[in-house]
Protein backbone atom coordinates (compact mmCIF):
# COMPACT_ATOMS: atom_id res chain seq x y z
CA UNK A 1 99.96 126.21 82.03
CA UNK A 2 97.88 129.80 81.99
CA UNK A 3 99.49 132.17 79.81
CA UNK A 4 101.58 134.62 81.68
CA UNK A 5 101.68 132.55 84.85
CA UNK A 6 104.99 132.05 86.89
CA UNK A 7 107.28 128.79 85.95
CA UNK A 8 106.74 126.24 88.69
CA UNK A 9 108.18 125.44 92.20
CA UNK A 10 109.11 122.13 91.57
CA UNK A 11 109.69 122.70 87.27
CA UNK A 12 113.19 125.02 88.97
CA UNK A 13 113.47 122.39 91.59
CA UNK A 14 114.29 120.05 89.49
CA UNK A 15 115.89 121.86 87.35
CA UNK A 16 118.95 123.23 90.43
CA UNK A 17 119.12 119.26 91.07
CA UNK A 18 119.64 118.60 87.35
CA UNK A 19 122.49 121.12 87.34
CA UNK A 20 124.06 121.58 90.86
CA UNK A 21 123.69 117.12 92.02
CA UNK A 22 124.17 116.14 88.05
CA UNK A 23 127.15 117.91 87.54
CA UNK A 24 129.00 117.61 91.10
CA UNK A 25 128.35 113.39 89.88
CA UNK A 26 129.64 114.03 86.02
CA UNK A 27 132.63 116.44 87.22
CA UNK A 28 133.78 112.57 90.06
CA UNK A 29 132.23 110.01 87.76
CA UNK A 30 134.81 111.31 85.11
CA UNK A 31 137.50 111.19 87.76
CA UNK A 32 136.84 107.55 88.18
CA UNK A 33 138.14 106.94 84.50
CA UNK A 34 134.25 106.54 83.12
CA UNK A 35 133.67 107.80 79.64
CA UNK A 36 131.72 110.59 78.54
CA UNK A 37 128.91 108.21 77.10
CA UNK A 38 129.11 105.77 79.89
CA UNK A 39 127.91 109.52 81.70
CA UNK A 40 125.71 110.06 79.57
CA UNK A 41 124.12 106.22 79.74
CA UNK A 42 124.05 106.28 83.52
CA UNK A 43 122.91 109.72 83.74
CA UNK A 44 119.31 109.39 81.32
CA UNK A 45 118.84 105.37 83.02
CA UNK A 46 118.93 106.70 86.91
CA UNK A 47 117.26 109.78 86.35
CA UNK A 48 114.43 107.40 84.42
CA UNK A 49 114.72 105.65 87.70
CA UNK A 50 114.03 108.02 90.04
CA UNK A 51 111.54 109.55 88.43
CA UNK A 52 109.17 106.93 87.58
CA UNK A 53 110.24 105.64 91.62
CA UNK A 54 109.22 108.75 93.31
CA UNK A 55 106.30 108.55 91.42
CA UNK A 56 105.21 105.18 91.86
CA UNK A 57 105.83 105.70 95.38
CA UNK A 58 103.25 108.65 95.11
CA UNK A 59 100.65 106.52 93.27
CA UNK A 60 100.37 103.77 96.07
CA UNK A 61 100.64 106.31 99.04
CA UNK A 62 97.80 108.85 97.48
CA UNK A 63 96.07 105.87 95.02
CA UNK A 64 92.61 105.79 97.80
CA UNK A 65 92.15 109.76 97.25
CA UNK A 66 93.45 109.62 93.55
CA UNK A 67 90.68 106.54 92.81
CA UNK A 68 88.53 108.70 94.58
CA UNK A 69 88.75 111.56 92.74
CA UNK A 70 88.58 108.84 89.36
CA UNK A 71 91.71 110.22 88.45
CA UNK A 72 94.19 107.94 86.19
CA UNK A 73 97.25 106.58 87.30
CA UNK A 74 98.29 106.66 84.21
CA UNK A 75 98.13 110.12 83.89
CA UNK A 76 99.82 110.98 87.35
CA UNK A 77 102.82 108.97 86.11
CA UNK A 78 103.09 111.85 82.87
CA UNK A 79 103.06 115.30 85.04
CA UNK A 80 106.29 115.45 88.38
CA UNK A 81 104.47 117.24 90.19
CA UNK A 82 102.96 114.42 93.45
CA UNK A 83 106.40 112.66 93.58
CA UNK A 84 107.75 111.20 96.96
CA UNK A 85 111.75 111.65 96.97
CA UNK A 86 111.91 108.52 99.20
CA UNK A 87 111.12 106.35 95.90
CA UNK A 88 113.23 107.46 93.87
CA UNK A 89 116.12 107.17 96.51
CA UNK A 90 114.93 103.52 96.20
CA UNK A 91 114.85 102.99 92.98
CA UNK A 92 118.68 103.76 92.75
CA UNK A 93 119.17 100.20 93.10
CA UNK A 94 119.06 99.94 89.53
CA UNK A 95 122.35 100.99 89.75
CA UNK A 96 124.16 97.66 91.02
CA UNK A 97 122.66 95.70 87.73
CA UNK A 98 123.70 99.47 85.24
CA UNK A 99 127.49 99.14 86.66
CA UNK A 100 127.59 95.34 86.13
CA UNK A 101 125.82 96.08 82.28
CA UNK A 102 129.01 99.16 81.97
CA UNK A 103 132.12 97.06 84.16
CA UNK A 104 132.78 99.15 86.81
CA UNK A 105 133.01 98.71 89.95
CA UNK A 106 129.98 99.95 91.73
CA UNK A 107 130.39 100.74 95.79
CA UNK A 108 133.57 102.89 94.37
CA UNK A 109 131.31 104.45 91.69
CA UNK A 110 128.29 104.85 94.17
CA UNK A 111 130.85 106.43 96.54
CA UNK A 112 132.36 108.90 93.73
CA UNK A 113 128.38 110.13 93.83
CA UNK A 114 127.28 109.65 97.28
CA UNK A 115 128.21 113.58 98.55
CA UNK A 116 126.26 114.65 94.82
CA UNK A 117 123.13 113.48 96.17
CA UNK A 118 123.09 115.61 98.40
CA UNK A 119 123.11 118.22 96.01
CA UNK A 120 120.12 116.17 94.42
CA UNK A 121 118.07 116.57 97.60
CA UNK A 122 118.76 120.14 98.01
CA UNK A 123 117.26 121.29 94.84
CA UNK A 124 114.57 118.52 94.69
CA UNK A 125 113.32 120.02 98.35
CA UNK A 126 113.68 124.10 97.44
CA UNK A 127 111.21 123.09 94.78
CA UNK A 128 109.49 121.89 97.20
CA UNK A 129 109.43 124.85 98.63
CA UNK A 130 109.10 126.87 95.80
CA UNK A 131 105.93 125.18 95.27
CA UNK A 132 104.02 125.08 98.90
CA UNK A 133 103.86 121.63 99.48
CA UNK A 134 105.55 119.15 101.71
CA UNK A 135 104.74 121.68 104.89
CA UNK A 136 105.33 121.64 107.92
CA UNK A 137 103.10 121.64 110.85
CA UNK A 138 101.73 125.35 112.23
CA UNK A 139 104.53 126.68 114.03
CA UNK A 140 105.27 129.70 116.46
CA UNK A 141 109.26 129.75 115.40
CA UNK A 142 110.49 133.08 114.28
CA UNK A 143 111.96 131.35 110.69
CA UNK A 144 108.24 130.17 110.71
CA UNK A 145 106.98 130.61 106.79
CA UNK A 146 103.23 131.81 105.46
CA UNK A 147 102.26 130.48 101.86
CA UNK A 148 100.59 133.57 99.81
CA UNK A 149 97.15 132.70 98.08
CA UNK A 150 98.76 133.35 94.38
CA UNK A 151 98.11 130.71 91.52
CA UNK A 152 99.07 128.52 91.53
CA UNK A 153 97.75 127.38 95.34
CA UNK A 154 100.18 125.52 97.37
CA UNK A 155 99.08 122.77 99.03
CA UNK A 156 99.64 124.38 102.19
CA UNK A 157 97.57 127.10 101.57
CA UNK A 158 94.80 124.36 100.01
CA UNK A 159 95.08 122.19 102.91
CA UNK A 160 95.04 125.31 105.73
CA UNK A 161 91.25 126.26 104.10
CA UNK A 162 90.11 122.97 104.12
CA UNK A 163 90.63 122.35 107.72
CA UNK A 164 89.83 125.68 108.37
CA UNK A 165 92.57 126.94 109.61
CA UNK A 166 92.24 129.99 107.86
CA UNK A 167 89.08 131.48 106.23
CA UNK A 168 88.00 131.51 102.48
CA UNK A 169 90.13 134.72 100.73
CA UNK A 170 92.76 135.28 103.46
CA UNK A 171 96.09 136.56 102.34
CA UNK A 172 98.01 133.49 103.08
CA UNK A 173 98.47 130.53 105.61
CA UNK A 174 99.18 130.47 109.32
CA UNK A 175 103.33 130.19 110.21
CA UNK A 176 104.69 126.29 109.56
CA UNK A 177 107.72 124.82 109.93
CA UNK A 178 109.33 125.47 106.61
CA UNK A 179 110.10 121.97 106.03
CA UNK A 180 111.25 121.83 102.59
CA UNK A 181 114.31 123.96 104.11
CA UNK A 182 114.98 121.31 106.80
CA UNK A 183 115.34 118.88 104.67
CA UNK A 184 117.01 121.12 101.85
CA UNK A 185 119.35 122.10 104.61
CA UNK A 186 120.36 118.20 105.83
CA UNK A 187 121.17 117.60 101.68
CA UNK A 188 123.64 120.54 101.82
CA UNK A 189 125.00 119.02 104.81
CA UNK A 190 125.25 115.45 103.43
CA UNK A 191 127.25 117.01 100.52
CA UNK A 192 130.37 119.16 102.74
CA UNK A 193 130.19 116.53 105.33
CA UNK A 194 131.28 113.24 102.90
CA UNK A 195 132.77 115.20 100.44
CA UNK A 196 134.88 115.99 104.00
CA UNK A 197 135.28 112.39 104.17
CA UNK A 198 136.22 111.50 101.72
CA UNK A 199 139.69 111.08 102.30
CA UNK A 200 139.66 108.74 105.45
CA UNK A 201 137.13 106.28 103.38
CA UNK A 202 138.48 102.83 105.10
CA UNK A 203 136.00 100.18 102.12
CA UNK A 204 133.94 100.93 98.89
CA UNK A 205 131.07 101.94 99.75
CA UNK A 206 132.04 103.25 103.31
CA UNK A 207 130.73 106.86 101.80
CA UNK A 208 126.92 105.29 100.41
CA UNK A 209 127.10 103.80 104.04
CA UNK A 210 126.85 106.83 105.93
CA UNK A 211 124.69 108.34 103.56
CA UNK A 212 122.13 105.97 104.35
CA UNK A 213 122.44 106.54 107.77
CA UNK A 214 122.16 109.99 107.86
CA UNK A 215 119.57 110.77 105.19
CA UNK A 216 117.36 107.94 106.67
CA UNK A 217 117.62 109.02 110.40
CA UNK A 218 117.29 111.81 109.86
CA UNK A 219 114.20 111.60 107.19
CA UNK A 220 112.19 109.81 109.60
CA UNK A 221 112.96 112.59 112.62
CA UNK A 222 111.65 115.15 109.79
CA UNK A 223 108.60 113.61 108.85
CA UNK A 224 106.81 114.34 112.17
CA UNK A 225 106.41 117.25 111.37
CA UNK A 226 104.47 117.28 108.06
CA UNK A 227 101.54 118.89 108.31
CA UNK A 228 100.01 116.08 105.85
CA UNK A 229 102.21 112.53 106.76
CA UNK A 230 103.46 110.02 104.71
CA UNK A 231 102.50 106.63 106.73
CA UNK A 232 103.40 104.43 104.60
CA UNK A 233 107.10 106.34 103.53
CA UNK A 234 107.69 107.24 107.23
CA UNK A 235 107.55 103.18 108.10
CA UNK A 236 109.60 102.21 104.71
CA UNK A 237 112.28 105.27 106.37
CA UNK A 238 112.42 103.39 109.12
CA UNK A 239 112.73 99.80 108.28
CA UNK A 240 115.61 100.41 106.14
CA UNK A 241 117.11 102.76 108.94
CA UNK A 242 117.58 99.96 111.39
CA UNK A 243 118.27 98.21 108.54
CA UNK A 244 121.35 100.45 107.86
CA UNK A 245 122.54 101.22 111.13
CA UNK A 246 122.25 96.53 111.42
CA UNK A 247 124.81 96.59 107.97
CA UNK A 248 126.73 99.51 109.56
CA UNK A 249 127.32 98.10 113.42
CA UNK A 250 128.50 94.66 111.33
CA UNK A 251 130.77 96.20 108.85
CA UNK A 252 132.32 98.61 112.17
CA UNK A 253 133.01 94.73 114.53
CA UNK A 254 134.06 92.90 111.66
CA UNK A 255 136.90 95.71 111.02
CA UNK A 256 137.37 95.92 114.43
CA UNK A 257 137.85 92.22 115.53
CA UNK A 258 139.86 91.67 111.74
CA UNK A 259 142.74 95.09 113.58
CA UNK A 260 142.79 93.33 116.54
CA UNK A 261 143.54 90.26 114.99
CA UNK A 262 146.24 92.03 113.39
CA UNK A 263 147.80 93.89 116.46
CA UNK A 264 147.86 90.43 117.58
CA UNK A 265 149.81 88.47 114.95
CA UNK A 266 152.44 91.65 114.86
CA UNK A 267 153.18 91.67 118.86
CA UNK A 268 153.24 87.64 118.88
């Protein structure tokens, strides 16, 4: 980083996600009876998994461009910039063996931190907005935003220069959808919605399933507004959304069948 350069947006986003999402998750896990050591172990393990998962999916998606530019994939993995949140979410699957090692009920613990994951999304996406990456398609809506030509140059500005949407030396980009803020708003809604629904949970893992359904389908829809589409990510998100929907439908059918059978036995 150059002297007197501004703090990079993605670093601010990671800090917001850590403070809000991490703090909320720690409080929730504490209420489930986990010790401070167990919480710290969980945080470190999941943080590393999310970081590496987000980087690996980015490298897989961008590998043709990275290879053409002779950029070492190992060096790319070590720098936080250039990450795909979907890869980090997939890496959270490591939570199951981690819970077994800590002798904690996985689904109950996962339900406890599910709302806090919305705050993680919120923080990461605010970082994306400040960094000028993950931007949307051109828009004439009143809330469309312009990204300035300031150091460090945003991906939005550089992309529009390459596509000749703006001339060299333009002060800012053409207005685009603030896609990052759309994702951030979804994260906040997930946090509020799951927190409100928590007292009505019927089975362990329900909050995780609701989070998956809401985040996956909303992400798939919002990805259509991305100026630089990630086709691999969009296909993976759609596949995961369909699987989650099938699982939710199966669970609801079984719950309804069990309730019907219990009612019939009660009236018999």
